[in-house]
Amino acid sequence: IRVSKARIQDAVGISHAGLSREDNKVFVVGTEGGNVLKCSLHGVVLQKRAINDKVVEDNIVTLAFTPHDGPVYGVSCSPFHRNMFLTCSTDATISIYSMLDMKPLLKIDHESLEFLFCIEWSPFRPGVFICGSGSGELIIYDLSHSRYVPLETNLANKEKRPVYVVKFNKKRRQLVASGDGSGTVVVWELSSELCNQKQNELKLLERLQSSTQDISGSV
């Protein structure tokens, strides 16, 4: 895709994308340069057009968020909140954004970790998400437990190979799969606490959405 800046069009390399749960023509992409971009296909003609013998491409980027300091390899839109999404990066940070605000609503800095390569929001718990690290860790967050401190951290392999993908099982809510750099897949069983929505848990996301200040913390 291309990002228009004044009269200059800069091509960016996409490293990951997350599709909105509410609108299949709206999605968020992370780039190799650390950019986080909201894109929309509404009203866009998906083909190149020639104007005055020059090829013109429709710009689909509608908002550029505060970037990461490294490539963004994980993007996950919330299944429970239409405007909220997660990103993770090789700068060892996780950010929660609103599609309505350029600045992150919450930023978690993992000072002890090398890279973060993947992230996935739970389809069953609004406040739970899991990310995979470059040192072979599967890191589970529960925002009802803490905004900045992981609920638990598990080693996916003894060799500490990077975890590149993590996926929840939408049919069997207690199961999560992770994949590492050697092609090995590990299936994890979550506790019942991480599988069943808590009372008033959706209010956690509403409080983040309504926050007007830049919130950041480190682990």
Protein backbone atom coordinates (compact mmCIF):
# COMPACT_ATOMS: atom_id res chain seq x y z
CA ILE A 1 0.00 0.00 0.00
CA ARG A 2 0.98 3.62 -0.28
CA VAL A 3 0.75 6.40 2.29
CA SER A 4 0.19 9.90 0.98
CA LYS A 5 2.25 12.62 2.64
CA ALA A 6 1.65 16.02 1.05
CA ARG A 7 2.39 15.29 -2.62
CA ILE A 8 4.72 12.36 -1.95
CA GLN A 9 3.51 8.78 -2.00
CA ASP A 10 5.65 6.40 0.06
CA ALA A 11 5.33 2.64 -0.34
CA VAL A 12 5.30 0.69 2.94
CA GLY A 13 5.96 -3.01 3.54
CA ILE A 14 3.10 -4.74 5.35
CA SER A 15 4.17 -7.19 8.05
CA HIS A 16 0.74 -8.05 9.51
CA ALA A 17 -2.93 -7.11 9.21
CA GLY A 18 -6.03 -7.38 11.39
CA LEU A 19 -9.60 -7.25 10.06
CA SER A 20 -12.32 -5.31 11.88
CA ARG A 21 -14.98 -7.57 13.40
CA GLU A 22 -17.67 -5.00 12.60
CA ASP A 23 -16.80 -4.03 9.03
CA ASN A 24 -15.03 -6.33 6.56
CA LYS A 25 -13.90 -3.35 4.51
CA VAL A 26 -11.96 -1.83 7.40
CA PHE A 27 -8.64 -3.24 8.62
CA VAL A 28 -5.45 -2.28 10.44
CA VAL A 29 -1.97 -3.04 9.13
CA GLY A 30 1.43 -3.08 10.81
CA THR A 31 4.52 -2.37 8.72
CA GLU A 32 8.22 -3.20 8.67
CA GLY A 33 8.92 0.44 9.48
CA GLY A 34 6.85 0.34 12.68
CA ASN A 35 3.81 2.14 11.25
CA VAL A 36 0.28 1.26 12.36
CA LEU A 37 -2.30 2.23 9.74
CA LYS A 38 -6.08 2.13 9.57
CA CYS A 39 -7.28 1.29 6.06
CA SER A 40 -10.69 1.34 4.43
CA LEU A 41 -11.95 -0.03 1.13
CA HIS A 42 -15.17 2.00 1.25
CA GLY A 43 -15.54 4.02 -1.94
CA VAL A 44 -12.23 2.75 -3.32
CA VAL A 45 -11.81 1.47 -6.87
CA LEU A 46 -9.39 -1.45 -6.54
CA GLN A 47 -7.51 -0.86 -9.73
CA LYS A 48 -4.86 1.46 -11.10
CA ARG A 49 -6.13 4.47 -13.02
CA ALA A 50 -4.26 6.41 -15.70
CA ILE A 51 -4.47 10.19 -15.39
CA ASN A 52 -2.52 12.32 -17.86
CA ASP A 53 -0.45 9.23 -18.78
CA LYS A 54 0.48 8.67 -15.10
CA VAL A 55 -0.62 5.65 -13.08
CA VAL A 56 -2.60 6.66 -9.99
CA GLU A 57 -3.51 4.30 -7.13
CA ASP A 58 -6.31 5.05 -4.69
CA ASN A 59 -5.01 5.67 -1.18
CA ILE A 60 -6.80 3.40 1.30
CA VAL A 61 -5.08 4.69 4.47
CA THR A 62 -7.49 6.75 6.57
CA LEU A 63 -5.48 7.18 9.78
CA ALA A 64 -1.85 6.75 10.84
CA PHE A 65 -1.42 5.88 14.53
CA THR A 66 1.55 6.61 16.77
CA PRO A 67 4.17 4.17 15.43
CA HIS A 68 6.26 1.53 17.14
CA ASP A 69 10.07 1.75 17.15
CA GLY A 70 10.43 -1.55 15.30
CA PRO A 71 8.55 -3.76 12.82
CA VAL A 72 4.97 -4.55 13.83
CA TYR A 73 4.46 -8.31 13.51
CA GLY A 74 1.17 -8.68 15.38
CA VAL A 75 -2.23 -6.98 14.96
CA SER A 76 -5.46 -8.23 16.53
CA CYS A 77 -8.85 -6.49 16.54
CA SER A 78 -11.04 -6.93 19.61
CA PRO A 79 -13.95 -9.37 19.17
CA PHE A 80 -15.86 -7.37 21.80
CA HIS A 81 -15.18 -3.69 21.00
CA ARG A 82 -15.66 -2.31 17.50
CA ASN A 83 -12.87 0.28 17.73
CA MET A 84 -10.20 -1.43 19.81
CA PHE A 85 -7.17 -3.38 18.59
CA LEU A 86 -3.81 -4.71 19.79
CA THR A 87 -0.34 -4.49 18.26
CA CYS A 88 3.03 -5.94 19.19
CA SER A 89 6.48 -5.20 17.84
CA THR A 90 10.15 -6.11 17.87
CA ASP A 91 10.60 -3.01 20.04
CA ALA A 92 9.28 -5.27 22.85
CA THR A 93 6.06 -3.31 23.36
CA ILE A 94 2.35 -4.07 23.24
CA SER A 95 -0.08 -1.26 22.45
CA ILE A 96 -3.85 -1.08 22.67
CA TYR A 97 -5.33 1.50 20.30
CA SER A 98 -8.73 2.91 19.50
CA MET A 99 -9.49 3.36 15.81
CA LEU A 100 -10.67 6.86 16.76
CA ASP A 101 -7.41 8.07 18.36
CA MET A 102 -3.84 8.27 17.03
CA LYS A 103 -2.22 7.69 20.43
CA PRO A 104 -2.32 4.28 22.14
CA LEU A 105 -4.80 3.90 24.99
CA LEU A 106 -2.37 1.58 26.76
CA LYS A 107 1.29 0.77 26.13
CA ILE A 108 3.14 -2.08 27.82
CA ASP A 109 6.93 -2.07 27.63
CA HIS A 110 8.67 -5.43 28.06
CA GLU A 111 12.16 -4.27 28.98
CA SER A 112 13.41 -7.83 29.60
CA LEU A 113 12.27 -9.32 26.29
CA GLU A 114 13.98 -9.20 22.91
CA PHE A 115 11.12 -9.19 20.38
CA LEU A 116 7.36 -9.78 20.29
CA PHE A 117 6.26 -11.57 17.13
CA CYS A 118 2.55 -12.34 17.50
CA ILE A 119 -0.52 -11.41 19.50
CA GLU A 120 -4.11 -12.63 19.65
CA TRP A 121 -7.14 -11.34 21.53
CA SER A 122 -9.29 -13.98 23.23
CA PRO A 123 -12.66 -14.58 21.52
CA PHE A 124 -14.14 -15.50 24.92
CA ARG A 125 -12.67 -13.01 27.43
CA PRO A 126 -12.68 -9.26 26.56
CA GLY A 127 -9.70 -8.59 28.82
CA VAL A 128 -7.49 -11.55 27.87
CA PHE A 129 -4.85 -11.70 25.14
CA ILE A 130 -1.75 -13.77 24.46
CA CYS A 131 1.52 -12.86 22.74
CA GLY A 132 4.59 -14.81 21.64
CA SER A 133 8.18 -13.65 22.13
CA GLY A 134 11.50 -14.02 20.36
CA SER A 135 12.84 -15.94 23.33
CA GLY A 136 10.23 -18.71 23.10
CA GLU A 137 7.75 -17.40 25.65
CA LEU A 138 3.97 -17.50 25.53
CA ILE A 139 2.78 -14.53 27.59
CA ILE A 140 -0.81 -14.37 28.88
CA TYR A 141 -2.40 -11.09 29.91
CA ASP A 142 -5.63 -10.56 31.83
CA LEU A 143 -6.53 -6.88 32.14
CA SER A 144 -8.81 -7.66 35.07
CA HIS A 145 -5.68 -8.90 36.86
CA SER A 146 -3.25 -6.14 35.81
CA ARG A 147 -2.78 -3.72 32.93
CA TYR A 148 0.98 -4.12 32.88
CA VAL A 149 1.98 -7.41 34.53
CA PRO A 150 1.37 -10.72 32.71
CA LEU A 151 -0.90 -13.20 34.43
CA GLU A 152 1.54 -15.96 33.48
CA THR A 153 4.48 -16.68 31.19
CA ASN A 154 5.18 -20.13 29.73
CA LEU A 155 8.19 -21.42 27.82
CA ALA A 156 7.01 -22.92 24.52
CA ASN A 157 10.26 -24.79 23.86
CA LYS A 158 13.46 -25.53 25.77
CA GLU A 159 15.63 -24.12 22.99
CA LYS A 160 13.89 -20.74 23.34
CA ARG A 161 13.03 -20.58 19.64
CA PRO A 162 10.86 -17.59 18.68
CA VAL A 163 7.08 -18.04 18.86
CA TYR A 164 5.72 -16.69 15.58
CA VAL A 165 2.02 -17.48 15.85
CA VAL A 166 -0.62 -18.00 18.53
CA LYS A 167 -4.28 -18.91 17.90
CA PHE A 168 -7.30 -19.53 20.10
CA ASN A 169 -9.57 -22.48 19.28
CA LYS A 170 -13.00 -20.94 18.68
CA LYS A 171 -14.81 -24.27 19.12
CA ARG A 172 -12.94 -25.54 22.18
CA ARG A 173 -12.41 -22.45 24.27
CA GLN A 174 -9.87 -23.97 26.64
CA LEU A 175 -7.36 -24.70 23.84
CA VAL A 176 -4.69 -22.40 22.38
CA ALA A 177 -2.04 -23.33 19.80
CA SER A 178 1.40 -21.76 19.34
CA GLY A 179 3.94 -22.26 16.57
CA ASP A 180 7.70 -21.64 16.70
CA GLY A 181 10.56 -21.12 14.27
CA SER A 182 11.19 -24.84 13.79
CA GLY A 183 7.63 -25.52 12.65
CA THR A 184 6.66 -27.12 15.97
CA VAL A 185 3.08 -26.57 17.15
CA VAL A 186 2.23 -26.77 20.85
CA VAL A 187 -1.38 -27.01 22.08
CA TRP A 188 -2.02 -25.45 25.48
CA GLU A 189 -4.97 -25.94 27.83
CA LEU A 190 -6.14 -22.80 29.57
CA SER A 191 -7.70 -22.66 33.01
CA SER A 192 -11.46 -22.18 33.24
CA GLU A 193 -10.82 -18.68 34.61
CA LEU A 194 -9.26 -17.66 31.28
CA CYS A 195 -12.09 -19.17 29.23
CA ASN A 196 -15.23 -17.73 30.79
CA GLN A 197 -16.19 -14.08 30.73
CA LYS A 198 -16.35 -12.33 34.09
CA GLN A 199 -19.18 -10.13 35.25
CA ASN A 200 -18.85 -6.53 33.99
CA GLU A 201 -15.63 -7.43 32.14
CA LEU A 202 -16.64 -5.37 29.11
CA LYS A 203 -16.36 -2.26 31.29
CA LEU A 204 -12.57 -2.77 31.31
CA LEU A 205 -12.48 -1.93 27.61
CA GLU A 206 -14.94 0.94 28.00
CA ARG A 207 -12.71 2.49 30.66
CA LEU A 208 -9.72 2.24 28.34
CA GLN A 209 -11.71 3.73 25.47
CA SER A 210 -12.84 6.68 27.57
CA SER A 211 -9.33 7.39 28.86
CA THR A 212 -8.02 10.76 27.65
CA GLN A 213 -4.42 10.43 28.75
CA ASP A 214 -1.51 8.44 27.33
CA ILE A 215 -1.07 5.48 29.66
CA SER A 216 2.18 3.53 29.60
CA GLY A 217 3.96 1.10 31.86
CA SER A 218 6.84 -1.35 31.92
CA VAL A 219 7.23 -4.89 33.18
